[in-house]
Protein backbone atom coordinates (compact mmCIF):
# COMPACT_ATOMS: atom_id res chain seq x y z
CA MET A 1 141.31 73.98 -101.67
CA LYS A 2 144.44 75.73 -100.37
CA ASN A 3 142.81 79.16 -100.18
CA LEU A 4 139.58 78.08 -98.52
CA SER A 5 139.06 78.74 -94.83
CA THR A 6 138.51 75.88 -92.42
CA ALA A 7 134.87 76.92 -91.91
CA ARG A 8 134.27 76.92 -95.68
CA ILE A 9 135.85 73.46 -96.05
CA SER A 10 133.71 72.14 -93.18
CA HIS A 11 130.62 73.61 -94.87
CA LEU A 12 131.56 71.94 -98.17
CA LEU A 13 132.05 68.58 -96.45
CA ASP A 14 128.55 68.82 -95.00
CA TYR A 15 126.93 69.37 -98.38
CA ASP A 16 129.11 67.27 -100.68
CA PRO A 17 129.38 63.63 -99.61
CA LEU A 18 131.72 62.81 -102.50
CA LEU A 19 134.18 65.41 -101.28
CA LEU A 20 134.06 63.87 -97.82
CA LEU A 21 134.48 60.32 -99.12
CA ASN A 22 137.42 61.30 -101.35
CA LEU A 23 139.53 62.83 -98.60
CA ARG A 24 142.82 61.08 -97.88
CA ARG A 25 142.15 61.42 -94.17
CA LEU A 26 138.68 61.86 -92.71
CA PRO A 27 138.09 64.60 -90.14
CA GLY A 28 137.88 63.46 -86.53
CA ARG A 29 134.21 64.30 -86.31
CA VAL A 30 131.46 64.69 -88.88
CA SER A 31 127.94 66.09 -88.80
CA VAL A 32 124.68 64.24 -89.44
CA ARG A 33 125.20 64.64 -93.19
CA GLY A 34 128.74 63.29 -92.95
CA ALA A 35 127.47 60.35 -90.92
CA SER A 36 124.79 59.69 -93.52
CA ALA A 37 127.45 59.64 -96.25
CA LEU A 38 129.75 57.29 -94.32
CA LEU A 39 126.95 54.89 -93.33
CA ASN A 40 124.93 55.27 -96.56
CA PHE A 41 121.72 56.23 -94.75
CA GLU A 42 119.57 59.30 -95.36
CA PRO A 43 120.10 62.18 -92.89
CA VAL A 44 116.58 61.63 -91.52
CA ALA A 45 117.52 57.99 -90.86
CA ILE A 46 120.55 59.13 -88.85
CA ARG A 47 118.25 61.23 -86.65
CA THR A 48 115.95 58.23 -86.23
CA LEU A 49 118.88 55.97 -85.30
CA ILE A 50 119.83 58.49 -82.62
CA ALA A 51 116.26 58.46 -81.28
CA LEU A 52 116.28 54.64 -81.29
CA ARG A 53 119.63 54.72 -79.42
CA LEU A 54 121.44 52.77 -82.13
CA LEU A 55 123.77 55.68 -82.82
CA LYS A 56 125.26 57.99 -80.20
CA PRO A 57 126.51 61.49 -81.02
CA LEU A 58 129.63 62.93 -79.40
CA GLY A 59 129.11 64.78 -76.16
CA ASN A 60 125.61 65.13 -74.82
CA PRO A 61 123.82 67.47 -77.25
CA ARG A 62 120.25 68.56 -76.64
CA SER A 63 117.63 67.46 -79.13
CA ASN A 64 117.75 70.79 -81.01
CA GLU A 65 121.56 71.12 -81.15
CA HIS A 66 123.93 70.08 -83.93
CA LYS A 67 125.13 66.53 -83.55
CA TYR A 68 128.61 65.31 -84.40
CA PHE A 69 129.95 61.78 -84.63
CA SER A 70 133.38 60.21 -84.47
CA SER A 71 134.54 59.23 -87.96
CA ARG A 72 136.39 56.25 -86.54
CA THR A 73 133.24 54.93 -84.83
CA LEU A 74 131.18 55.40 -87.98
CA LEU A 75 133.73 53.51 -90.08
CA ARG A 76 133.73 50.68 -87.55
CA LEU A 77 129.91 50.55 -87.65
CA SER A 78 129.90 50.59 -91.46
CA ASP A 79 132.03 47.41 -91.40
CA ASP A 80 129.79 45.69 -88.83
CA GLU A 81 127.20 43.68 -90.78
CA LYS A 82 125.29 42.77 -87.64
CA TRP A 83 124.87 46.43 -86.64
CA LEU A 84 123.90 47.44 -90.20
CA ASP A 85 121.28 44.69 -90.27
CA GLU A 86 119.92 45.72 -86.87
CA ALA A 87 119.83 49.41 -87.85
CA THR A 88 118.11 48.69 -91.16
CA LYS A 89 115.48 46.49 -89.51
CA ALA A 90 114.89 49.10 -86.79
CA LEU A 91 114.39 51.81 -89.43
CA MET A 92 112.00 49.64 -91.43
CA LYS A 93 110.00 48.90 -88.27
CA HIS A 94 110.02 52.58 -87.28
CA TRP A 95 108.63 53.73 -90.65
CA ALA A 96 106.09 50.89 -90.77
CA ASN A 97 104.81 51.91 -87.33
CA LYS A 98 104.74 55.57 -88.31
CA ASN A 99 102.82 54.80 -91.51
CA ALA A 100 100.39 52.56 -89.62
CA ARG A 101 99.69 55.33 -87.08
CA ARG A 102 99.05 57.72 -89.93
CA GLY A 103 96.61 55.23 -91.41
CA THR A 104 98.03 55.28 -94.91
CA SER A 105 100.14 52.89 -96.88
CA ARG A 106 102.69 53.77 -99.53
CA ALA A 107 100.21 53.39 -102.37
CA PRO A 108 96.43 53.17 -102.19
CA ALA A 109 94.97 49.76 -102.98
CA ASN A 110 93.21 51.03 -106.12
CA VAL A 111 96.55 52.26 -107.55
CA ILE A 112 98.16 48.89 -106.88
CA ALA A 113 95.22 47.14 -108.57
CA VAL A 114 95.49 49.36 -111.67
CA PHE A 115 99.22 48.78 -112.07
CA SER A 116 98.97 45.04 -111.45
CA SER A 117 96.16 44.63 -114.00
CA LYS A 118 98.09 46.62 -116.65
CA SER A 119 101.22 44.56 -116.16
CA ARG A 120 99.47 41.26 -116.86
CA ARG A 121 99.93 39.88 -120.33
CA PRO A 122 96.90 38.69 -122.28
CA GLU A 123 96.90 34.97 -122.73
């Protein structure tokens, strides 16, 4: 990695979470993808946590701008079981509400009935 430019390294860190997690020293700030790697949430979940005000990006970016987070803050949050529980419950509630508004569930009832009847053993 000696010959790579800083911009190229930053780009690699965004797209390769293992590279980010294997650094001896984390960068001071990370993008949404870096935050998702450090907190073990999907990138879409990071955006939802921002919207739910459970995660605050650095500065005051507009909704369509790139968001960056303090690595130190993310590591502190990843060690906080109470925050992780609250964030996970908020995401579950968010997706349940979104699915309810859409009027669909994860699997149609007839698919669930077919799989449950096939999994039963004859007695």
